[in-house]
């Protein structure tokens, strides 16, 4: 399962977080997100503490704030959706800066922004401290369905190959004087997309036949057996455990 690709989210380092086994970090991130989602939206202070916990993890992992904030831009579409909620939701209205906004919409927007941002930040920290190959090994170690792990592995392995194929097709079109300027050129782009699909499908068939000829029988061999000590599990689960304490206080108060 040696994908061999360093993704753009990964930041090379030798911090204690980088050194944790991947399946412990995956389990900790999943547990943290579940706790955050389970927190009542009215407990605003709790979400502030969650952000502090993630900031502490970023400091320990030596992930700069700028690196983290830049990659949080991926949630911009969700932010746009949240901003619209107070204007389109029904129910009790309240005046804010001369605008009539829905109370339930405001709570919904806050819920999406707070929980969504914390979830994305936790995922970015995970990706920043864990290589793709390690993530796949971690998923395998956590006993996820082997077929899903294999699909993810091939997506990572051949994503760059297909992207490079698209680049060569674009260069070939431009070398022949083609430049998409309007709707009348959509037909050419559609044919290019169809050709790319056919090439990708044929490549998949060839790869499958090559795998079968090498003894593939539905499961990939485990190259590296990743294990974790009790201390490493305790270190990784410190984040979701602290978040769980905050969540319980949020419900109690």
C-alpha atoms as a PDB file:
ATOM      1  CA  UNK A   1       0.000   0.000   0.000  1.00  0.00           C
ATOM      2  CA  UNK A   2       2.851   2.329  -0.714  1.00  0.00           C
ATOM      3  CA  UNK A   3       1.118   5.257  -2.333  1.00  0.00           C
ATOM      4  CA  UNK A   4       4.265   7.337  -2.212  1.00  0.00           C
ATOM      5  CA  UNK A   5       2.506  10.678  -2.634  1.00  0.00           C
ATOM      6  CA  UNK A   6       3.023  13.620  -0.272  1.00  0.00           C
ATOM      7  CA  UNK A   7      -0.195  15.612  -0.300  1.00  0.00           C
ATOM      8  CA  UNK A   8      -0.306  19.395  -0.035  1.00  0.00           C
ATOM      9  CA  UNK A   9      -1.929  19.335   3.401  1.00  0.00           C
ATOM     10  CA  UNK A  10       0.941  17.412   4.955  1.00  0.00           C
ATOM     11  CA  UNK A  11       3.640  19.387   6.743  1.00  0.00           C
ATOM     12  CA  UNK A  12       6.827  17.436   7.341  1.00  0.00           C
ATOM     13  CA  UNK A  13       7.974  17.479  10.947  1.00  0.00           C
ATOM     14  CA  UNK A  14       9.279  15.479  13.883  1.00  0.00           C
ATOM     15  CA  UNK A  15       6.861  16.591  16.592  1.00  0.00           C
ATOM     16  CA  UNK A  16       5.279  14.244  19.163  1.00  0.00           C
ATOM     17  CA  UNK A  17       2.040  14.436  17.153  1.00  0.00           C
ATOM     18  CA  UNK A  18       3.796  13.427  13.946  1.00  0.00           C
ATOM     19  CA  UNK A  19       5.287  10.434  15.731  1.00  0.00           C
ATOM     20  CA  UNK A  20       1.973   8.990  16.908  1.00  0.00           C
ATOM     21  CA  UNK A  21       0.679   5.887  15.085  1.00  0.00           C
ATOM     22  CA  UNK A  22      -1.851   6.906  12.424  1.00  0.00           C
ATOM     23  CA  UNK A  23      -4.754   4.840  13.752  1.00  0.00           C
ATOM     24  CA  UNK A  24      -4.525   6.548  17.155  1.00  0.00           C
ATOM     25  CA  UNK A  25      -4.756   9.961  15.493  1.00  0.00           C
ATOM     26  CA  UNK A  26      -7.666   8.853  13.321  1.00  0.00           C
ATOM     27  CA  UNK A  27      -9.564   7.532  16.346  1.00  0.00           C
ATOM     28  CA  UNK A  28      -8.804  10.678  18.366  1.00  0.00           C
ATOM     29  CA  UNK A  29      -9.941  12.991  15.560  1.00  0.00           C
ATOM     30  CA  UNK A  30     -13.158  11.042  15.009  1.00  0.00           C
ATOM     31  CA  UNK A  31     -13.929  11.014  18.749  1.00  0.00           C
ATOM     32  CA  UNK A  32     -13.212  14.756  19.006  1.00  0.00           C
ATOM     33  CA  UNK A  33     -15.566  15.567  16.116  1.00  0.00           C
ATOM     34  CA  UNK A  34     -18.320  13.395  17.636  1.00  0.00           C
ATOM     35  CA  UNK A  35     -17.968  15.234  20.957  1.00  0.00           C
ATOM     36  CA  UNK A  36     -18.071  18.633  19.237  1.00  0.00           C
ATOM     37  CA  UNK A  37     -21.191  17.733  17.266  1.00  0.00           C
ATOM     38  CA  UNK A  38     -22.852  16.441  20.447  1.00  0.00           C
ATOM     39  CA  UNK A  39     -22.297  19.729  22.295  1.00  0.00           C
ATOM     40  CA  UNK A  40     -25.410  21.934  22.683  1.00  0.00           C
ATOM     41  CA  UNK A  41     -25.174  24.991  20.454  1.00  0.00           C
ATOM     42  CA  UNK A  42     -26.166  27.248  23.342  1.00  0.00           C
ATOM     43  CA  UNK A  43     -22.894  26.457  25.172  1.00  0.00           C
ATOM     44  CA  UNK A  44     -20.858  29.000  23.211  1.00  0.00           C
ATOM     45  CA  UNK A  45     -18.048  28.991  25.764  1.00  0.00           C
ATOM     46  CA  UNK A  46     -17.532  25.260  25.126  1.00  0.00           C
ATOM     47  CA  UNK A  47     -16.691  25.863  21.470  1.00  0.00           C
ATOM     48  CA  UNK A  48     -14.148  28.461  22.530  1.00  0.00           C
ATOM     49  CA  UNK A  49     -12.468  25.847  24.735  1.00  0.00           C
ATOM     50  CA  UNK A  50     -12.505  23.368  21.851  1.00  0.00           C
ATOM     51  CA  UNK A  51     -10.668  25.939  19.729  1.00  0.00           C
ATOM     52  CA  UNK A  52      -8.097  26.372  22.508  1.00  0.00           C
ATOM     53  CA  UNK A  53      -7.566  22.601  22.642  1.00  0.00           C
ATOM     54  CA  UNK A  54      -6.960  22.474  18.885  1.00  0.00           C
ATOM     55  CA  UNK A  55      -4.598  25.437  19.161  1.00  0.00           C
ATOM     56  CA  UNK A  56      -2.601  23.543  21.792  1.00  0.00           C
ATOM     57  CA  UNK A  57      -2.402  20.526  19.478  1.00  0.00           C
ATOM     58  CA  UNK A  58      -1.198  22.799  16.667  1.00  0.00           C
ATOM     59  CA  UNK A  59       1.508  24.222  18.941  1.00  0.00           C
ATOM     60  CA  UNK A  60       2.674  20.748  19.993  1.00  0.00           C
ATOM     61  CA  UNK A  61       2.620  19.619  16.348  1.00  0.00           C
ATOM     62  CA  UNK A  62       4.504  22.785  15.308  1.00  0.00           C
ATOM     63  CA  UNK A  63       1.898  23.645  12.686  1.00  0.00           C
ATOM     64  CA  UNK A  64       1.962  27.435  12.046  1.00  0.00           C
ATOM     65  CA  UNK A  65      -1.283  29.367  12.401  1.00  0.00           C
ATOM     66  CA  UNK A  66      -0.969  30.699   8.845  1.00  0.00           C
ATOM     67  CA  UNK A  67      -0.628  27.192   7.433  1.00  0.00           C
ATOM     68  CA  UNK A  68      -3.736  26.084   9.317  1.00  0.00           C
ATOM     69  CA  UNK A  69      -5.855  29.154   8.519  1.00  0.00           C
ATOM     70  CA  UNK A  70      -5.021  29.008   4.811  1.00  0.00           C
ATOM     71  CA  UNK A  71      -6.310  25.433   4.610  1.00  0.00           C
ATOM     72  CA  UNK A  72      -9.467  26.306   6.508  1.00  0.00           C
ATOM     73  CA  UNK A  73     -10.578  28.213   3.396  1.00  0.00           C
ATOM     74  CA  UNK A  74     -11.936  24.897   2.147  1.00  0.00           C
ATOM     75  CA  UNK A  75     -15.039  25.517   4.259  1.00  0.00           C
ATOM     76  CA  UNK A  76     -15.949  28.796   2.515  1.00  0.00           C
ATOM     77  CA  UNK A  77     -19.026  27.224   0.796  1.00  0.00           C
ATOM     78  CA  UNK A  78     -20.355  26.135   4.199  1.00  0.00           C
ATOM     79  CA  UNK A  79     -19.756  29.638   5.545  1.00  0.00           C
ATOM     80  CA  UNK A  80     -21.776  31.090   2.665  1.00  0.00           C
ATOM     81  CA  UNK A  81     -24.599  28.653   3.407  1.00  0.00           C
ATOM     82  CA  UNK A  82     -24.530  29.575   7.110  1.00  0.00           C
ATOM     83  CA  UNK A  83     -24.651  33.306   6.343  1.00  0.00           C
ATOM     84  CA  UNK A  84     -27.841  32.818   4.312  1.00  0.00           C
ATOM     85  CA  UNK A  85     -29.676  30.885   7.042  1.00  0.00           C
ATOM     86  CA  UNK A  86     -30.803  33.914   9.117  1.00  0.00           C
ATOM     87  CA  UNK A  87     -32.342  35.465   6.010  1.00  0.00           C
ATOM     88  CA  UNK A  88     -34.277  32.452   4.730  1.00  0.00           C
ATOM     89  CA  UNK A  89     -35.307  30.619   7.921  1.00  0.00           C
ATOM     90  CA  UNK A  90     -38.794  31.140   9.282  1.00  0.00           C
ATOM     91  CA  UNK A  91     -40.018  31.731  12.814  1.00  0.00           C
ATOM     92  CA  UNK A  92     -39.368  34.472  15.353  1.00  0.00           C
ATOM     93  CA  UNK A  93     -37.596  37.514  13.941  1.00  0.00           C
ATOM     94  CA  UNK A  94     -35.111  39.874  15.573  1.00  0.00           C
ATOM     95  CA  UNK A  95     -33.653  43.198  14.424  1.00  0.00           C
ATOM     96  CA  UNK A  96     -29.880  43.186  13.901  1.00  0.00           C
ATOM     97  CA  UNK A  97     -28.225  46.284  12.391  1.00  0.00           C
ATOM     98  CA  UNK A  98     -31.524  47.286  10.843  1.00  0.00           C
ATOM     99  CA  UNK A  99     -32.114  43.862   9.289  1.00  0.00           C
ATOM    100  CA  UNK A 100     -34.852  41.432  10.261  1.00  0.00           C
ATOM    101  CA  UNK A 101     -33.241  38.059  10.900  1.00  0.00           C
ATOM    102  CA  UNK A 102     -34.652  34.724  12.005  1.00  0.00           C
ATOM    103  CA  UNK A 103     -33.724  33.653  15.531  1.00  0.00           C
ATOM    104  CA  UNK A 104     -33.679  29.987  14.566  1.00  0.00           C
ATOM    105  CA  UNK A 105     -31.629  30.892  11.495  1.00  0.00           C
ATOM    106  CA  UNK A 106     -29.059  32.700  13.626  1.00  0.00           C
ATOM    107  CA  UNK A 107     -28.737  29.694  15.924  1.00  0.00           C
ATOM    108  CA  UNK A 108     -28.474  27.415  12.889  1.00  0.00           C
ATOM    109  CA  UNK A 109     -25.771  29.597  11.344  1.00  0.00           C
ATOM    110  CA  UNK A 110     -23.806  29.582  14.587  1.00  0.00           C
ATOM    111  CA  UNK A 111     -24.206  25.816  14.870  1.00  0.00           C
ATOM    112  CA  UNK A 112     -22.881  25.228  11.347  1.00  0.00           C
ATOM    113  CA  UNK A 113     -20.014  27.701  11.653  1.00  0.00           C
ATOM    114  CA  UNK A 114     -18.802  26.594  15.085  1.00  0.00           C
ATOM    115  CA  UNK A 115     -19.052  22.849  14.658  1.00  0.00           C
ATOM    116  CA  UNK A 116     -18.059  22.859  11.001  1.00  0.00           C
ATOM    117  CA  UNK A 117     -14.974  25.015  11.570  1.00  0.00           C
ATOM    118  CA  UNK A 118     -13.794  22.902  14.506  1.00  0.00           C
ATOM    119  CA  UNK A 119     -14.337  19.687  12.535  1.00  0.00           C
ATOM    120  CA  UNK A 120     -12.439  20.997   9.517  1.00  0.00           C
ATOM    121  CA  UNK A 121      -9.628  22.312  11.741  1.00  0.00           C
ATOM    122  CA  UNK A 122      -9.268  18.917  13.441  1.00  0.00           C
ATOM    123  CA  UNK A 123      -9.168  17.203  10.037  1.00  0.00           C
ATOM    124  CA  UNK A 124      -6.573  19.657   8.724  1.00  0.00           C
ATOM    125  CA  UNK A 125      -4.391  19.022  11.772  1.00  0.00           C
ATOM    126  CA  UNK A 126      -4.706  15.295  11.165  1.00  0.00           C
ATOM    127  CA  UNK A 127      -3.711  15.668   7.511  1.00  0.00           C
ATOM    128  CA  UNK A 128      -0.911  18.083   8.419  1.00  0.00           C
ATOM    129  CA  UNK A 129       0.763  15.560  10.714  1.00  0.00           C
ATOM    130  CA  UNK A 130       0.027  12.278   8.896  1.00  0.00           C
ATOM    131  CA  UNK A 131       1.115  11.212   5.417  1.00  0.00           C
ATOM    132  CA  UNK A 132      -1.460   9.726   3.067  1.00  0.00           C
ATOM    133  CA  UNK A 133       0.193   6.329   3.122  1.00  0.00           C
ATOM    134  CA  UNK A 134       0.087   6.341   6.931  1.00  0.00           C
ATOM    135  CA  UNK A 135      -3.581   7.315   6.878  1.00  0.00           C
ATOM    136  CA  UNK A 136      -4.340   4.295   4.715  1.00  0.00           C
ATOM    137  CA  UNK A 137      -2.399   2.047   7.064  1.00  0.00           C
ATOM    138  CA  UNK A 138      -4.304   3.546   9.974  1.00  0.00           C
ATOM    139  CA  UNK A 139      -7.652   2.880   8.324  1.00  0.00           C
ATOM    140  CA  UNK A 140      -6.532  -0.673   7.678  1.00  0.00           C
ATOM    141  CA  UNK A 141      -5.458  -1.047  11.295  1.00  0.00           C
ATOM    142  CA  UNK A 142      -8.867   0.205  12.477  1.00  0.00           C
ATOM    143  CA  UNK A 143     -10.484  -2.659  10.529  1.00  0.00           C
ATOM    144  CA  UNK A 144     -12.328  -0.551   8.000  1.00  0.00           C
ATOM    145  CA  UNK A 145     -13.775  -2.574   5.103  1.00  0.00           C
ATOM    146  CA  UNK A 146     -10.774  -3.600   2.961  1.00  0.00           C
ATOM    147  CA  UNK A 147     -12.570  -2.640  -0.244  1.00  0.00           C
ATOM    148  CA  UNK A 148     -12.979   0.969   0.937  1.00  0.00           C
ATOM    149  CA  UNK A 149      -9.305   1.154   1.904  1.00  0.00           C
ATOM    150  CA  UNK A 150      -8.286  -0.216  -1.495  1.00  0.00           C
ATOM    151  CA  UNK A 151     -10.500   2.292  -3.321  1.00  0.00           C
ATOM    152  CA  UNK A 152      -8.968   5.149  -1.306  1.00  0.00           C
ATOM    153  CA  UNK A 153      -5.482   3.810  -2.050  1.00  0.00           C
ATOM    154  CA  UNK A 154      -6.097   3.723  -5.801  1.00  0.00           C
ATOM    155  CA  UNK A 155      -7.681   7.196  -5.736  1.00  0.00           C
ATOM    156  CA  UNK A 156      -4.522   8.573  -4.147  1.00  0.00           C
ATOM    157  CA  UNK A 157      -2.187   6.574  -6.367  1.00  0.00           C
ATOM    158  CA  UNK A 158      -3.839   7.402  -9.701  1.00  0.00           C
ATOM    159  CA  UNK A 159      -5.319  10.832  -8.980  1.00  0.00           C
ATOM    160  CA  UNK A 160      -2.095  12.508 -10.085  1.00  0.00           C
ATOM    161  CA  UNK A 161      -1.912  10.254 -13.153  1.00  0.00           C
ATOM    162  CA  UNK A 162      -5.372  11.316 -14.328  1.00  0.00           C
ATOM    163  CA  UNK A 163      -4.625  14.966 -13.543  1.00  0.00           C
ATOM    164  CA  UNK A 164      -1.483  14.721 -15.666  1.00  0.00           C
ATOM    165  CA  UNK A 165      -3.526  13.154 -18.463  1.00  0.00           C
ATOM    166  CA  UNK A 166      -5.908  16.139 -18.312  1.00  0.00           C
ATOM    167  CA  UNK A 167      -2.940  18.501 -18.484  1.00  0.00           C
ATOM    168  CA  UNK A 168      -1.561  16.785 -21.607  1.00  0.00           C
ATOM    169  CA  UNK A 169      -4.968  16.916 -23.283  1.00  0.00           C
ATOM    170  CA  UNK A 170      -5.262  20.623 -22.500  1.00  0.00           C
ATOM    171  CA  UNK A 171      -1.793  21.294 -23.938  1.00  0.00           C
ATOM    172  CA  UNK A 172      -2.699  19.305 -27.064  1.00  0.00           C
ATOM    173  CA  UNK A 173      -5.868  21.407 -27.570  1.00  0.00           C
ATOM    174  CA  UNK A 174      -4.017  24.678 -27.050  1.00  0.00           C
ATOM    175  CA  UNK A 175      -1.207  23.643 -29.427  1.00  0.00           C
ATOM    176  CA  UNK A 176      -3.871  23.317 -32.130  1.00  0.00           C
ATOM    177  CA  UNK A 177      -5.170  26.829 -31.450  1.00  0.00           C
ATOM    178  CA  UNK A 178      -8.183  25.869 -29.344  1.00  0.00           C
ATOM    179  CA  UNK A 179      -9.272  28.218 -26.560  1.00  0.00           C
ATOM    180  CA  UNK A 180     -12.568  27.832 -24.725  1.00  0.00           C
ATOM    181  CA  UNK A 181     -14.289  31.219 -24.833  1.00  0.00           C
ATOM    182  CA  UNK A 182     -17.985  30.471 -24.718  1.00  0.00           C
ATOM    183  CA  UNK A 183     -20.869  28.044 -24.816  1.00  0.00           C
ATOM    184  CA  UNK A 184     -20.090  27.047 -28.402  1.00  0.00           C
ATOM    185  CA  UNK A 185     -16.870  25.417 -27.204  1.00  0.00           C
ATOM    186  CA  UNK A 186     -18.554  23.282 -24.559  1.00  0.00           C
ATOM    187  CA  UNK A 187     -18.975  20.456 -27.094  1.00  0.00           C
ATOM    188  CA  UNK A 188     -15.210  20.120 -27.480  1.00  0.00           C
ATOM    189  CA  UNK A 189     -14.720  20.110 -23.707  1.00  0.00           C
ATOM    190  CA  UNK A 190     -17.438  17.477 -23.340  1.00  0.00           C
ATOM    191  CA  UNK A 191     -15.690  15.252 -25.904  1.00  0.00           C
ATOM    192  CA  UNK A 192     -12.423  15.727 -24.008  1.00  0.00           C
ATOM    193  CA  UNK A 193     -14.119  14.686 -20.773  1.00  0.00           C
ATOM    194  CA  UNK A 194     -15.512  11.595 -22.505  1.00  0.00           C
ATOM    195  CA  UNK A 195     -12.100  10.697 -23.901  1.00  0.00           C
ATOM    196  CA  UNK A 196     -10.560  11.130 -20.454  1.00  0.00           C
ATOM    197  CA  UNK A 197     -13.187   8.817 -18.946  1.00  0.00           C
ATOM    198  CA  UNK A 198     -12.504   6.140 -21.560  1.00  0.00           C
ATOM    199  CA  UNK A 199      -8.733   6.379 -21.064  1.00  0.00           C
ATOM    200  CA  UNK A 200      -9.139   6.156 -17.288  1.00  0.00           C
ATOM    201  CA  UNK A 201     -11.455   3.165 -17.596  1.00  0.00           C
ATOM    202  CA  UNK A 202      -9.069   1.367 -19.940  1.00  0.00           C
ATOM    203  CA  UNK A 203      -6.151   2.107 -17.610  1.00  0.00           C
ATOM    204  CA  UNK A 204      -8.158   0.652 -14.726  1.00  0.00           C
ATOM    205  CA  UNK A 205      -8.809  -2.511 -16.743  1.00  0.00           C
ATOM    206  CA  UNK A 206      -5.106  -2.890 -17.492  1.00  0.00           C
ATOM    207  CA  UNK A 207      -4.143  -2.343 -13.867  1.00  0.00           C
ATOM    208  CA  UNK A 208      -6.745  -4.897 -12.731  1.00  0.00           C
ATOM    209  CA  UNK A 209      -5.449  -7.511 -15.172  1.00  0.00           C
ATOM    210  CA  UNK A 210      -1.878  -6.814 -14.046  1.00  0.00           C
ATOM    211  CA  UNK A 211      -2.908  -7.280 -10.417  1.00  0.00           C
ATOM    212  CA  UNK A 212      -4.659 -10.566 -11.147  1.00  0.00           C
ATOM    213  CA  UNK A 213      -1.619 -11.832 -13.039  1.00  0.00           C
ATOM    214  CA  UNK A 214       0.419 -11.157  -9.899  1.00  0.00           C
ATOM    215  CA  UNK A 215      -1.885 -13.137  -7.630  1.00  0.00           C
ATOM    216  CA  UNK A 216      -4.406 -10.526  -6.473  1.00  0.00           C
ATOM    217  CA  UNK A 217      -7.392 -12.279  -4.867  1.00  0.00           C
ATOM    218  CA  UNK A 218      -9.466  -9.413  -3.480  1.00  0.00           C
ATOM    219  CA  UNK A 219      -7.213  -8.109  -0.715  1.00  0.00           C
ATOM    220  CA  UNK A 220      -3.961  -6.199  -0.634  1.00  0.00           C
ATOM    221  CA  UNK A 221      -0.992  -7.499   1.360  1.00  0.00           C
ATOM    222  CA  UNK A 222      -0.137  -5.671   4.578  1.00  0.00           C
ATOM    223  CA  UNK A 223       3.353  -4.261   4.091  1.00  0.00           C
ATOM    224  CA  UNK A 224       3.773  -2.461   7.418  1.00  0.00           C
ATOM    225  CA  UNK A 225       2.112  -3.616  10.623  1.00  0.00           C
ATOM    226  CA  UNK A 226       1.435  -0.449  12.630  1.00  0.00           C
ATOM    227  CA  UNK A 227       1.083  -0.889  16.387  1.00  0.00           C
ATOM    228  CA  UNK A 228       0.556   1.541  19.248  1.00  0.00           C
ATOM    229  CA  UNK A 229       1.501   1.320  22.903  1.00  0.00           C
ATOM    230  CA  UNK A 230      -0.835   2.165  25.769  1.00  0.00           C
ATOM    231  CA  UNK A 231       1.090   5.402  26.337  1.00  0.00           C
ATOM    232  CA  UNK A 232       0.605   6.445  22.709  1.00  0.00           C
ATOM    233  CA  UNK A 233      -3.115   5.727  22.902  1.00  0.00           C
ATOM    234  CA  UNK A 234      -3.352   7.762  26.101  1.00  0.00           C
ATOM    235  CA  UNK A 235      -1.454  10.647  24.513  1.00  0.00           C
ATOM    236  CA  UNK A 236      -3.664  10.648  21.408  1.00  0.00           C
ATOM    237  CA  UNK A 237      -6.954  10.328  23.296  1.00  0.00           C
ATOM    238  CA  UNK A 238      -6.119  13.213  25.616  1.00  0.00           C
ATOM    239  CA  UNK A 239      -7.731  15.626  23.134  1.00  0.00           C
ATOM    240  CA  UNK A 240     -11.148  13.921  22.827  1.00  0.00           C
ATOM    241  CA  UNK A 241     -11.175  13.170  26.576  1.00  0.00           C
ATOM    242  CA  UNK A 242     -10.641  16.851  27.429  1.00  0.00           C
ATOM    243  CA  UNK A 243     -13.328  17.753  24.887  1.00  0.00           C
ATOM    244  CA  UNK A 244     -15.692  15.217  26.471  1.00  0.00           C
ATOM    245  CA  UNK A 245     -15.255  16.889  29.867  1.00  0.00           C
ATOM    246  CA  UNK A 246     -16.141  20.238  28.287  1.00  0.00           C
ATOM    247  CA  UNK A 247     -19.165  18.704  26.549  1.00  0.00           C
ATOM    248  CA  UNK A 248     -20.496  17.218  29.804  1.00  0.00           C
ATOM    249  CA  UNK A 249     -20.112  20.598  31.518  1.00  0.00           C
ATOM    250  CA  UNK A 250     -21.920  22.207  28.583  1.00  0.00           C
ATOM    251  CA  UNK A 251     -24.922  19.943  29.046  1.00  0.00           C
ATOM    252  CA  UNK A 252     -24.826  20.334  32.838  1.00  0.00           C
ATOM    253  CA  UNK A 253     -24.731  24.113  32.744  1.00  0.00           C
END
